[in-house]
Amino acid sequence: MRRRLLFTIAILCALTAFAQVPKHELRAVWLTTVKNLDWPKTLVKSPADVQKQKAELCRILDKLQQANVNTVLLQTRVRAAVIYPSDIEPWDVCMTGTHGRNPGYDALQFAIDECHARGMECHAWLCTLPVGKWDAPACKAIRKRLPHLIYKIGDEGFMRPESPETADYLASIAREVVTRYDVDGIHLDYIRYPEQQAIRISGNEARSNITRIVRAIHDAVKSVKPYVKLSCSPIGKHADLRIQSSRGWNARDKVYQDAQEWMRTGLMDQLYPMMYFRGNNFYPFAVDWKEKEYGGAVAAGLGIYCLDRSEGNWPLEEIQRQLNTTRQLGLGHAYFRSQFFTDNTKGVYNLIANDIDRYPALVPPMRNKNTHHSSPNTHHPTPITLSLSPHYIVLSWDGDAPLYNVYASRELPVNTDDARNLIAMRLTQKQLVFENTPLTRQMNYVVTAMDRFGNESVPQQSAAVSTQNAFLPNDGKTLVVDTQELSNKDYFLIQTLQGTTVASRRAYRSHIDIADLPDGTYQLRSVNKKGVAHRIAFFIIKR
């Protein structure tokens, strides 16, 4: 019911005053798990705690969805430990409070499912070279298994960038994640030399060592799923500029992180530079990142944590200026970190949800050198039908694409380049349910198919209200089926709107028993003797 209301609100927003916002824009949030900073706040000590952890994440994702965030960077490899059942590394302490203890569910799979249900991408954020405090359980465990790959700086452990085995090991983790999970991206953090380390080799050699790791991870990811985006979070200043010094702190020459070259050569699809600066330490370098996109997508990492009194006490106007400038440049934006955003620190959430990102946006299509597998001629969905009940409208279609977007407007043709008209995105089911109101009945609807690279088909216009797919009457116990639908039908499938079969039934004298089904909206499919299923109607159980 709540999501139906959200779709109705999206339609109302489509009629409000126009704001110049792009249809494609990268809008991301770093969702940290290290030290339980953003999530989870509840440790799993009992089975009941699992549901509390899940509910916490759902509340965060709901707020992100309502602010039109389209990409969640979820910290998955924390410090040589992970938040999913891995064959390579142990469970991280953040899940249960105890290193290596299984929380009783797969947190990564749950997060992916919940992000996708809200039309958001989920990227697995892997912290690469740091492996934690030297005497912490995770660091001690990897030191025991791979002593020749781990070295100490201060009280921290790190993997050796110069060793080819480091590249192979980190690539194996990325491959495991991409093989097992329907992630939309792999996001590399700390893919650089530690700034505390005194480098005794040339800068070119040091950069080559880091690039070897990036290339190994890239090849591992793309060999399994070419559409999975590879990204990283480089230092926010790439190098000294002619007009502005980096003041000794930059990605390329200080920590040997050649991120712009990775974009140029196609090793990266996206960049999220950590631009946690102000004034001349921000704006000239933002221009530089834009000029060196090389066909990929760049989102400026904004230090919204600096709004906090204990972290810098920035005025909100500073973040507002940075958002306005990066949008004018054509850059996306990413927030570090989630809790400062969802807690509405100094009103930052209200500013973005109600003003800056008032309308949704799609993630930019992959246009880098490694996207030759993409399908620019994505097949459009088949003709769309509209079915009405007293309370709901069901928009339905058929097709074989992995994802669909829905647009609505009073005007014809519906302008699919206008972000205000986008009411639902990245749908995997082939239906959309929303409130039946005078407004929604006046709207024109179109659906586009979209492949995993972000390429959209031409729009398919909705047909008139269908009588063939009208809602079937029922009294909460028995569903009445037209006798014409009974001929040559072996049995019927009852499915959710997402296509999950919940029951199979045979009809008896035009009646189908539904007494054991919970209240909700369903679709009815007939199955003939050859096993071919066809949708024939929708029905709503409301007792």
Protein backbone atom coordinates (compact mmCIF):
# COMPACT_ATOMS: atom_id res chain seq x y z
CA MET A 1 0.00 0.00 0.00
CA ARG A 2 2.81 2.40 0.92
CA ARG A 3 4.60 1.96 -2.38
CA ARG A 4 1.37 2.48 -4.30
CA LEU A 5 1.03 5.80 -2.48
CA LEU A 6 4.59 6.72 -3.43
CA PHE A 7 3.80 6.15 -7.11
CA THR A 8 0.74 8.39 -6.77
CA ILE A 9 2.87 11.10 -5.14
CA ALA A 10 5.33 10.81 -8.03
CA ILE A 11 2.50 11.48 -10.47
CA LEU A 12 1.49 14.57 -8.48
CA CYS A 13 5.08 15.82 -8.59
CA ALA A 14 5.04 15.48 -12.37
CA LEU A 15 2.46 18.28 -12.51
CA THR A 16 4.32 20.81 -10.38
CA ALA A 17 6.48 23.69 -11.54
CA PHE A 18 9.45 22.63 -13.66
CA ALA A 19 12.91 22.48 -12.14
CA GLN A 20 15.95 22.09 -14.36
CA VAL A 21 17.23 18.70 -13.30
CA PRO A 22 18.86 16.04 -15.45
CA LYS A 23 17.15 12.79 -16.29
CA HIS A 24 20.46 10.94 -15.80
CA GLU A 25 22.52 11.77 -12.73
CA LEU A 26 24.59 9.70 -10.35
CA ARG A 27 23.24 10.20 -6.80
CA ALA A 28 24.90 8.00 -4.23
CA VAL A 29 25.39 7.44 -0.52
CA TRP A 30 28.21 5.65 1.26
CA LEU A 31 26.54 3.31 3.76
CA THR A 32 29.24 2.29 6.22
CA THR A 33 29.29 -0.83 8.36
CA VAL A 34 32.75 -0.39 9.92
CA LYS A 35 32.39 0.18 13.65
CA ASN A 36 28.59 0.15 13.05
CA LEU A 37 28.75 3.82 12.09
CA ASP A 38 25.69 3.83 9.80
CA TRP A 39 24.40 0.26 10.07
CA PRO A 40 23.77 -2.03 11.82
CA LYS A 41 23.13 -0.42 15.18
CA THR A 42 21.66 -3.63 16.59
CA LEU A 43 24.04 -6.58 16.98
CA VAL A 44 22.61 -10.04 16.38
CA LYS A 45 22.64 -11.78 19.73
CA SER A 46 19.35 -13.65 19.24
CA PRO A 47 17.02 -14.58 16.34
CA ALA A 48 14.85 -11.57 17.15
CA ASP A 49 17.82 -9.28 16.54
CA VAL A 50 17.95 -10.38 12.90
CA GLN A 51 14.59 -8.73 12.26
CA LYS A 52 15.72 -5.60 14.11
CA GLN A 53 18.83 -5.37 11.92
CA LYS A 54 16.76 -5.81 8.77
CA ALA A 55 14.19 -3.23 9.90
CA GLU A 56 16.98 -0.71 10.58
CA LEU A 57 18.30 -1.11 7.05
CA CYS A 58 14.82 -0.84 5.53
CA ARG A 59 14.21 2.45 7.36
CA ILE A 60 17.49 3.83 5.99
CA LEU A 61 16.70 2.69 2.45
CA ASP A 62 13.19 4.14 2.64
CA LYS A 63 14.63 7.56 3.46
CA LEU A 64 17.21 7.28 0.69
CA GLN A 65 14.51 6.34 -1.81
CA GLN A 66 12.35 9.27 -0.76
CA ALA A 67 15.32 11.58 -1.38
CA ASN A 68 15.71 10.09 -4.90
CA VAL A 69 19.09 8.48 -4.20
CA ASN A 70 19.70 5.95 -6.97
CA THR A 71 22.95 4.26 -5.85
CA VAL A 72 23.83 2.73 -2.47
CA LEU A 73 27.52 2.02 -1.84
CA LEU A 74 27.26 -0.65 0.88
CA GLN A 75 30.42 -1.47 2.81
CA THR A 76 30.74 -5.19 2.21
CA ARG A 77 34.41 -5.97 2.84
CA VAL A 78 35.15 -4.03 6.00
CA ARG A 79 38.70 -4.84 7.19
CA ALA A 80 39.68 -8.32 5.90
CA ALA A 81 36.21 -9.48 6.95
CA VAL A 82 32.83 -9.35 5.20
CA ILE A 83 29.06 -9.12 5.73
CA TYR A 84 28.12 -12.18 3.65
CA PRO A 85 28.90 -15.93 3.92
CA SER A 86 32.26 -16.05 2.13
CA ASP A 87 34.56 -18.92 1.28
CA ILE A 88 37.51 -16.53 1.49
CA GLU A 89 37.13 -14.28 4.52
CA PRO A 90 35.28 -14.45 7.86
CA TRP A 91 32.20 -12.57 9.04
CA ASP A 92 32.94 -9.06 10.21
CA VAL A 93 32.46 -8.13 13.85
CA CYS A 94 29.91 -5.44 12.92
CA MET A 95 27.15 -8.02 12.43
CA THR A 96 27.17 -9.79 15.80
CA GLY A 97 29.84 -8.12 17.93
CA THR A 98 31.98 -11.24 17.58
CA HIS A 99 34.52 -11.74 14.79
CA GLY A 100 33.66 -14.67 12.54
CA ARG A 101 30.17 -15.30 13.96
CA ASN A 102 27.38 -15.91 11.44
CA PRO A 103 24.40 -13.59 12.10
CA GLY A 104 21.98 -16.16 10.72
CA TYR A 105 21.19 -14.43 7.44
CA ASP A 106 22.94 -13.06 4.36
CA ALA A 107 23.12 -9.31 4.91
CA LEU A 108 24.44 -8.55 1.42
CA GLN A 109 21.66 -10.49 -0.30
CA PHE A 110 19.05 -8.81 1.88
CA ALA A 111 20.44 -5.36 1.09
CA ILE A 112 20.52 -6.04 -2.65
CA ASP A 113 16.92 -7.23 -2.64
CA GLU A 114 15.73 -4.24 -0.65
CA CYS A 115 17.62 -1.72 -2.81
CA HIS A 116 16.25 -3.26 -5.99
CA ALA A 117 12.71 -3.26 -4.59
CA ARG A 118 13.09 0.52 -4.22
CA GLY A 119 14.51 1.10 -7.70
CA MET A 120 18.05 1.74 -6.40
CA GLU A 121 21.34 0.17 -7.43
CA CYS A 122 23.40 -1.64 -4.80
CA HIS A 123 27.19 -1.60 -5.15
CA ALA A 124 29.41 -3.79 -2.96
CA TRP A 125 31.99 -1.47 -1.38
CA LEU A 126 35.25 -3.34 -0.78
CA CYS A 127 37.94 -1.83 1.45
CA THR A 128 41.01 -3.15 -0.36
CA LEU A 129 44.48 -2.71 1.18
CA PRO A 130 43.85 -1.89 4.90
CA VAL A 131 43.19 -5.00 7.01
CA GLY A 132 42.59 -3.31 10.37
CA LYS A 133 44.38 -2.93 13.67
CA TRP A 134 47.45 -5.17 13.84
CA ASP A 135 46.16 -7.16 16.82
CA ALA A 136 42.48 -7.17 15.81
CA PRO A 137 41.01 -10.62 15.04
CA ALA A 138 40.51 -9.95 11.31
CA CYS A 139 44.07 -8.73 10.80
CA LYS A 140 45.53 -11.58 12.85
CA ALA A 141 43.52 -14.08 10.80
CA ILE A 142 44.75 -12.83 7.43
CA ARG A 143 48.31 -12.49 8.78
CA LYS A 144 48.19 -16.15 9.76
CA ARG A 145 46.97 -17.22 6.30
CA LEU A 146 49.01 -14.77 4.20
CA PRO A 147 51.93 -13.55 6.33
CA HIS A 148 54.03 -12.58 3.30
CA LEU A 149 51.29 -10.22 2.01
CA ILE A 150 50.70 -8.20 5.18
CA TYR A 151 52.92 -5.47 6.62
CA LYS A 152 52.59 -3.04 9.50
CA ILE A 153 52.50 0.75 9.56
CA GLY A 154 51.99 2.16 13.04
CA ASP A 155 49.37 -0.05 14.62
CA GLU A 156 47.62 -0.90 11.31
CA GLY A 157 48.00 -3.77 8.89
CA PHE A 158 48.03 -3.41 5.10
CA MET A 159 48.26 -5.70 2.09
CA ARG A 160 51.40 -5.25 -0.02
CA PRO A 161 50.57 -3.42 -3.28
CA GLU A 162 53.81 -4.54 -4.92
CA SER A 163 52.96 -8.24 -4.68
CA PRO A 164 51.04 -9.77 -7.63
CA GLU A 165 49.43 -12.12 -5.10
CA THR A 166 47.66 -9.13 -3.53
CA ALA A 167 46.01 -8.36 -6.86
CA ASP A 168 44.96 -11.99 -7.29
CA TYR A 169 43.59 -12.20 -3.75
CA LEU A 170 41.50 -9.04 -3.97
CA ALA A 171 40.28 -10.05 -7.44
CA SER A 172 39.10 -13.37 -5.98
CA ILE A 173 36.92 -11.54 -3.45
CA ALA A 174 35.41 -9.34 -6.16
CA ARG A 175 34.81 -12.39 -8.34
CA GLU A 176 33.09 -14.20 -5.46
CA VAL A 177 30.73 -11.27 -4.87
CA VAL A 178 29.88 -10.79 -8.55
CA THR A 179 29.38 -14.52 -9.15
CA ARG A 180 27.09 -15.06 -6.18
CA TYR A 181 25.14 -11.81 -6.07
CA ASP A 182 23.14 -9.57 -8.36
CA VAL A 183 25.17 -6.50 -7.44
CA ASP A 184 25.14 -3.51 -9.76
CA GLY A 185 28.68 -2.48 -9.00
CA ILE A 186 31.96 -3.18 -7.20
CA HIS A 187 33.26 -0.09 -5.39
CA LEU A 188 36.92 -0.05 -4.32
CA ASP A 189 37.95 1.95 -1.28
CA TYR A 190 41.53 2.72 -0.23
CA ILE A 191 42.93 1.44 -3.52
CA ARG A 192 46.14 3.39 -2.93
CA TYR A 193 49.40 3.38 -1.01
CA PRO A 194 49.04 4.33 2.67
CA GLU A 195 49.86 8.00 3.03
CA GLN A 196 51.98 7.16 6.10
CA GLN A 197 54.33 4.96 4.08
CA ALA A 198 57.68 6.25 2.85
CA ILE A 199 57.89 5.08 -0.78
CA ARG A 200 61.34 3.87 -1.88
CA ILE A 201 60.42 3.28 -5.53
CA SER A 202 59.60 5.64 -8.36
CA GLY A 203 56.14 7.16 -8.66
CA ASN A 204 55.56 5.37 -11.97
CA GLU A 205 56.35 1.99 -10.42
CA ALA A 206 54.13 2.70 -7.41
CA ARG A 207 51.25 3.71 -9.69
CA SER A 208 51.81 0.56 -11.75
CA ASN A 209 51.50 -1.57 -8.61
CA ILE A 210 48.12 -0.08 -7.75
CA THR A 211 46.96 -0.22 -11.36
CA ARG A 212 47.84 -3.95 -11.48
CA ILE A 213 45.36 -4.53 -8.64
CA VAL A 214 42.68 -2.48 -10.39
CA ARG A 215 43.22 -4.37 -13.65
CA ALA A 216 42.99 -7.76 -11.93
CA ILE A 217 39.72 -6.80 -10.22
CA HIS A 218 38.36 -5.29 -13.46
CA ASP A 219 39.12 -8.46 -15.41
CA ALA A 220 37.60 -10.67 -12.71
CA VAL A 221 34.39 -8.61 -12.60
CA LYS A 222 33.92 -8.10 -16.32
CA SER A 223 34.64 -11.73 -17.20
CA VAL A 224 31.64 -12.75 -15.09
CA LYS A 225 29.19 -9.86 -15.65
CA PRO A 226 30.30 -7.11 -18.07
CA TYR A 227 27.47 -4.84 -16.95
CA VAL A 228 28.62 -4.65 -13.33
CA LYS A 229 30.13 -1.20 -12.81
CA LEU A 230 33.62 -0.88 -11.37
CA SER A 231 34.31 2.28 -9.37
CA CYS A 232 36.56 3.65 -6.66
CA SER A 233 36.78 6.58 -4.25
CA PRO A 234 40.04 8.40 -5.03
CA ILE A 235 41.50 11.31 -3.09
CA GLY A 236 39.41 14.36 -4.04
CA LYS A 237 42.28 16.20 -5.77
CA HIS A 238 43.75 14.16 -8.61
CA ALA A 239 46.96 16.18 -9.00
CA ASP A 240 48.27 19.73 -8.94
CA LEU A 241 46.50 22.02 -11.41
CA ARG A 242 48.00 24.93 -13.32
CA ILE A 243 45.70 27.30 -11.44
CA GLN A 244 45.62 25.58 -8.05
CA SER A 245 48.04 23.52 -5.98
CA SER A 246 46.81 20.41 -4.22
CA ARG A 247 48.96 21.47 -1.25
CA GLY A 248 50.75 18.14 -1.14
CA TRP A 249 47.62 15.99 -0.88
CA ASN A 250 46.47 14.37 -4.10
CA ALA A 251 45.65 11.00 -5.59
CA ARG A 252 48.20 10.63 -8.37
CA ASP A 253 51.45 11.84 -6.80
CA LYS A 254 50.92 11.37 -3.05
CA VAL A 255 49.27 7.94 -2.83
CA TYR A 256 49.85 6.78 -6.46
CA GLN A 257 46.21 6.39 -7.35
CA ASP A 258 45.94 7.04 -11.10
CA ALA A 259 42.14 7.23 -11.18
CA GLN A 260 41.79 9.46 -14.23
CA GLU A 261 44.01 7.12 -16.24
CA TRP A 262 41.83 4.19 -15.12
CA MET A 263 38.84 6.00 -16.57
CA ARG A 264 40.69 6.84 -19.81
CA THR A 265 41.71 3.22 -20.37
CA GLY A 266 38.32 1.77 -19.43
CA LEU A 267 39.39 0.08 -16.19
CA MET A 268 36.80 2.13 -14.29
CA ASP A 269 33.19 2.96 -15.13
CA GLN A 270 32.55 5.45 -12.33
CA LEU A 271 34.56 7.58 -9.92
CA TYR A 272 33.51 8.98 -6.53
CA PRO A 273 36.36 11.37 -5.61
CA MET A 274 36.35 12.22 -1.91
CA MET A 275 36.08 16.00 -2.24
CA TYR A 276 35.72 16.83 1.43
CA PHE A 277 37.06 20.37 0.96
CA ARG A 278 35.87 23.95 0.59
CA GLY A 279 36.58 26.94 -1.65
CA ASN A 280 39.57 26.69 -3.98
CA ASN A 281 40.30 23.22 -2.63
CA PHE A 282 36.96 22.08 -4.12
CA TYR A 283 35.81 23.99 -7.21
CA PRO A 284 38.89 23.90 -9.51
CA PHE A 285 39.31 20.19 -8.81
CA ALA A 286 35.64 19.53 -9.55
CA VAL A 287 36.20 21.05 -13.00
CA ASP A 288 39.24 18.83 -13.44
CA TRP A 289 37.28 15.66 -12.65
CA LYS A 290 34.61 16.66 -15.16
CA GLU A 291 37.16 17.36 -17.88
CA LYS A 292 38.69 13.89 -17.35
CA GLU A 293 35.50 11.77 -17.30
CA TYR A 294 36.45 9.99 -20.55
CA GLY A 295 32.94 8.70 -21.12
CA GLY A 296 32.42 7.40 -17.59
CA ALA A 297 30.38 8.90 -14.76
CA VAL A 298 31.81 10.96 -11.90
CA ALA A 299 30.00 11.85 -8.67
CA ALA A 300 31.64 14.39 -6.40
CA GLY A 301 31.94 12.93 -2.93
CA LEU A 302 30.53 15.60 -0.61
CA GLY A 303 31.70 15.75 3.01
CA ILE A 304 28.32 16.31 4.61
CA TYR A 305 29.81 14.99 7.84
CA CYS A 306 31.57 18.37 8.02
CA LEU A 307 28.18 19.92 8.80
CA ASP A 308 28.36 18.31 12.22
CA ARG A 309 29.63 20.61 14.96
CA SER A 310 32.31 18.14 15.98
CA GLU A 311 33.48 17.56 12.40
CA GLY A 312 33.94 21.09 11.04
CA ASN A 313 30.64 22.87 11.66
CA TRP A 314 30.19 23.90 8.01
CA PRO A 315 27.13 25.97 7.17
CA LEU A 316 24.52 24.21 5.04
CA GLU A 317 25.06 26.85 2.34
CA GLU A 318 28.48 25.35 1.63
CA ILE A 319 26.99 21.99 0.64
CA GLN A 320 24.24 23.76 -1.31
CA ARG A 321 26.84 25.67 -3.36
CA GLN A 322 28.78 22.50 -4.04
CA LEU A 323 25.62 20.70 -5.17
CA ASN A 324 24.58 23.52 -7.47
CA THR A 325 28.06 23.80 -8.97
CA THR A 326 28.54 20.09 -9.58
CA ARG A 327 25.14 19.90 -11.25
CA GLN A 328 26.02 22.80 -13.54
CA LEU A 329 29.24 20.98 -14.42
CA GLY A 330 27.36 17.75 -15.16
CA LEU A 331 28.78 15.80 -12.22
CA GLY A 332 26.73 13.60 -9.92
CA HIS A 333 26.98 13.71 -6.15
CA ALA A 334 27.60 11.24 -3.33
CA TYR A 335 27.16 11.80 0.39
CA PHE A 336 29.59 10.74 3.08
CA ARG A 337 28.07 9.35 5.01
CA SER A 338 24.56 7.94 5.29
CA GLN A 339 23.76 8.76 8.92
CA PHE A 340 24.61 12.44 8.54
CA PHE A 341 22.25 12.48 5.56
CA THR A 342 19.29 10.58 7.01
CA ASP A 343 19.66 12.38 10.36
CA ASN A 344 19.09 15.62 8.43
CA THR A 345 22.20 17.27 9.83
CA LYS A 346 21.63 21.04 9.63
CA GLY A 347 18.71 20.36 7.28
CA VAL A 348 20.78 18.69 4.52
CA TYR A 349 18.22 15.93 3.94
CA ASN A 350 15.35 18.41 3.59
CA LEU A 351 17.38 20.54 1.18
CA ILE A 352 18.13 17.61 -1.09
CA ALA A 353 14.84 15.71 -0.87
CA ASN A 354 12.61 18.76 -1.27
CA ASP A 355 14.72 20.93 -3.56
CA ILE A 356 17.98 19.76 -5.16
CA ASP A 357 16.84 16.19 -5.91
CA ARG A 358 13.11 16.72 -5.80
CA TYR A 359 12.68 14.62 -8.94
CA PRO A 360 14.12 11.18 -9.64
CA ALA A 361 17.01 10.46 -11.98
CA LEU A 362 18.34 7.36 -13.69
CA VAL A 363 21.94 6.25 -13.28
CA PRO A 364 23.85 7.36 -16.42
CA PRO A 365 24.23 4.58 -19.02
CA MET A 366 27.63 2.91 -19.19
CA ARG A 367 29.56 4.60 -21.98
CA ASN A 368 33.14 3.65 -21.19
CA LYS A 369 35.45 1.49 -23.29
CA ASN A 370 34.44 -1.77 -21.63
CA THR A 371 30.74 -1.46 -22.48
CA HIS A 372 30.86 -2.90 -25.98
CA HIS A 373 28.54 -5.66 -24.75
CA SER A 374 25.72 -3.15 -24.26
CA SER A 375 22.52 -3.26 -26.31
CA PRO A 376 21.53 0.20 -27.58
CA ASN A 377 18.53 -1.27 -29.43
CA THR A 378 16.84 -2.67 -26.35
CA HIS A 379 13.50 -4.20 -27.35
CA HIS A 380 10.56 -2.14 -26.19
CA PRO A 381 7.80 -3.78 -24.13
CA THR A 382 4.69 -5.10 -25.84
CA PRO A 383 1.47 -3.04 -25.78
CA ILE A 384 0.53 -1.84 -22.32
CA THR A 385 -2.85 -2.40 -20.72
CA LEU A 386 -4.58 -0.43 -17.95
CA SER A 387 -6.90 -2.27 -15.59
CA LEU A 388 -9.18 -0.49 -13.14
CA SER A 389 -10.76 -1.37 -9.83
CA PRO A 390 -12.63 1.03 -7.54
CA HIS A 391 -9.40 1.77 -5.65
CA TYR A 392 -6.43 0.85 -7.85
CA ILE A 393 -5.04 1.03 -11.36
CA VAL A 394 -2.78 -1.72 -12.66
CA LEU A 395 -0.48 -0.89 -15.53
CA SER A 396 0.79 -4.13 -17.10
CA TRP A 397 2.89 -5.19 -20.08
CA ASP A 398 4.98 -8.06 -21.40
CA GLY A 399 8.60 -8.22 -22.50
CA ASP A 400 11.94 -9.92 -21.94
CA ALA A 401 14.04 -7.02 -20.65
CA PRO A 402 15.60 -7.19 -17.17
CA LEU A 403 14.35 -3.73 -16.15
CA TYR A 404 11.54 -1.29 -16.97
CA ASN A 405 10.88 2.42 -16.37
CA VAL A 406 7.44 4.06 -16.26
CA TYR A 407 6.60 7.67 -17.19
CA ALA A 408 3.35 9.61 -16.80
CA SER A 409 2.11 12.95 -18.12
CA ARG A 410 -1.08 14.74 -19.07
CA GLU A 411 0.53 15.67 -22.35
CA LEU A 412 0.92 13.51 -25.44
CA PRO A 413 3.37 12.30 -26.43
CA VAL A 414 4.80 11.70 -22.97
CA ASN A 415 8.23 13.32 -22.82
CA THR A 416 10.59 10.63 -21.52
CA ASP A 417 13.49 13.11 -21.45
CA ASP A 418 11.76 15.08 -18.68
CA ALA A 419 12.75 13.81 -15.23
CA ARG A 420 9.45 15.08 -13.81
CA ASN A 421 7.60 12.40 -15.76
CA LEU A 422 9.58 9.46 -14.37
CA ILE A 423 7.34 7.79 -11.78
CA ALA A 424 8.97 4.36 -11.38
CA MET A 425 12.34 2.99 -12.42
CA ARG A 426 14.27 -0.27 -12.56
CA LEU A 427 11.13 -2.36 -12.18
CA THR A 428 11.72 -6.08 -12.58
CA GLN A 429 8.04 -7.03 -12.50
CA LYS A 430 5.83 -6.22 -15.47
CA GLN A 431 3.12 -4.44 -13.54
CA LEU A 432 2.76 -1.22 -11.58
CA VAL A 433 -0.08 -0.61 -9.11
CA PHE A 434 -1.12 2.86 -7.96
CA GLU A 435 -4.14 4.65 -6.53
CA ASN A 436 -7.21 5.10 -8.72
CA THR A 437 -7.94 8.83 -8.52
CA PRO A 438 -9.31 11.43 -10.96
CA LEU A 439 -5.73 12.60 -11.45
CA THR A 440 -4.19 9.20 -12.20
CA ARG A 441 -7.04 8.38 -14.60
CA GLN A 442 -6.23 11.55 -16.58
CA MET A 443 -2.58 10.67 -17.06
CA ASN A 444 -0.97 9.12 -20.11
CA TYR A 445 1.54 6.35 -19.38
CA VAL A 446 4.49 4.96 -21.26
CA VAL A 447 6.93 2.18 -20.41
CA THR A 448 10.50 1.74 -21.57
CA ALA A 449 12.63 -1.39 -21.35
CA MET A 450 16.18 -1.00 -20.03
CA ASP A 451 19.17 -3.31 -20.15
CA ARG A 452 21.70 -3.68 -17.35
CA PHE A 453 24.03 -1.19 -19.03
CA GLY A 454 21.36 1.52 -18.64
CA ASN A 455 20.29 1.69 -22.31
CA GLU A 456 16.58 2.45 -22.73
CA SER A 457 14.25 1.34 -25.50
CA VAL A 458 11.88 3.61 -27.36
CA PRO A 459 8.80 4.30 -25.21
CA GLN A 460 5.67 2.18 -25.53
CA GLN A 461 2.39 4.09 -25.10
CA SER A 462 -0.34 2.63 -22.89
CA ALA A 463 -3.55 1.44 -24.47
CA ALA A 464 -7.03 2.40 -23.39
CA VAL A 465 -8.50 0.86 -20.27
CA SER A 466 -8.71 -2.88 -20.87
CA THR A 467 -11.84 -4.90 -20.34
CA GLN A 468 -10.07 -8.16 -21.09
CA ASN A 469 -7.85 -7.69 -18.05
CA ALA A 470 -10.49 -6.21 -15.73
CA PHE A 471 -10.50 -7.09 -12.06
CA LEU A 472 -12.41 -10.29 -11.30
CA PRO A 473 -15.11 -10.19 -8.62
CA ASN A 474 -14.73 -12.15 -5.40
CA ASP A 475 -16.12 -12.25 -1.89
CA GLY A 476 -12.83 -13.04 -0.19
CA LYS A 477 -13.54 -16.78 -0.39
CA THR A 478 -14.39 -17.52 -4.00
CA LEU A 479 -13.15 -16.02 -7.27
CA VAL A 480 -15.62 -16.01 -10.17
CA VAL A 481 -14.13 -16.85 -13.58
CA ASP A 482 -15.79 -16.36 -16.96
CA THR A 483 -16.86 -19.74 -18.32
CA GLN A 484 -15.09 -18.90 -21.59
CA GLU A 485 -11.81 -18.96 -19.74
CA LEU A 486 -12.45 -22.54 -18.59
CA SER A 487 -12.32 -24.18 -22.00
CA ASN A 488 -9.10 -26.10 -22.72
CA LYS A 489 -7.57 -24.93 -19.43
CA ASP A 490 -5.93 -27.51 -17.24
CA TYR A 491 -5.49 -25.33 -14.15
CA PHE A 492 -4.83 -21.77 -12.97
CA LEU A 493 -1.85 -20.11 -11.29
CA ILE A 494 -2.35 -17.35 -8.74
CA GLN A 495 0.64 -15.03 -8.61
CA THR A 496 1.70 -11.83 -6.91
CA LEU A 497 2.15 -8.76 -9.09
CA GLN A 498 5.88 -9.51 -9.02
CA GLY A 499 5.24 -12.90 -10.65
CA THR A 500 5.71 -15.17 -7.63
CA THR A 501 3.31 -18.13 -7.71
CA VAL A 502 1.44 -18.46 -4.42
CA ALA A 503 -1.14 -21.09 -5.37
CA SER A 504 -2.33 -23.35 -8.16
CA ARG A 505 -6.04 -24.08 -8.49
CA ARG A 506 -8.58 -25.89 -10.59
CA ALA A 507 -11.91 -24.21 -11.27
CA TYR A 508 -15.18 -25.79 -10.21
CA ARG A 509 -18.25 -24.45 -12.00
CA SER A 510 -16.64 -21.08 -12.74
CA HIS A 511 -15.41 -20.71 -9.16
CA ILE A 512 -11.88 -20.77 -7.75
CA ASP A 513 -11.24 -21.17 -4.03
CA ILE A 514 -9.17 -18.27 -2.60
CA ALA A 515 -10.20 -18.53 1.06
CA ASP A 516 -6.66 -19.34 2.22
CA LEU A 517 -5.00 -16.38 0.50
CA PRO A 518 -4.18 -13.22 2.46
CA ASP A 519 -5.56 -9.84 1.42
CA GLY A 520 -3.74 -8.31 -1.50
CA THR A 521 -3.62 -7.79 -5.25
CA TYR A 522 -3.01 -10.83 -7.46
CA GLN A 523 -2.88 -11.89 -11.08
CA LEU A 524 -4.57 -15.02 -12.42
CA ARG A 525 -2.87 -17.06 -15.13
CA SER A 526 -4.41 -19.93 -17.03
CA VAL A 527 -2.26 -22.94 -17.90
CA ASN A 528 -3.24 -25.15 -20.84
CA LYS A 529 -2.47 -28.81 -21.38
CA LYS A 530 0.87 -27.93 -22.96
CA GLY A 531 1.93 -26.09 -19.83
CA VAL A 532 1.77 -22.62 -21.41
CA ALA A 533 0.57 -19.89 -19.02
CA HIS A 534 -1.30 -16.72 -19.99
CA ARG A 535 -2.42 -13.89 -17.73
CA ILE A 536 -6.18 -13.48 -17.96
CA ALA A 537 -7.09 -11.11 -15.13
CA PHE A 538 -6.26 -9.36 -11.87
CA PHE A 539 -8.17 -9.56 -8.63
CA ILE A 540 -8.01 -7.90 -5.23
CA ILE A 541 -8.85 -9.65 -1.98
CA LYS A 542 -10.05 -7.16 0.61
CA ARG A 543 -12.07 -8.74 3.40
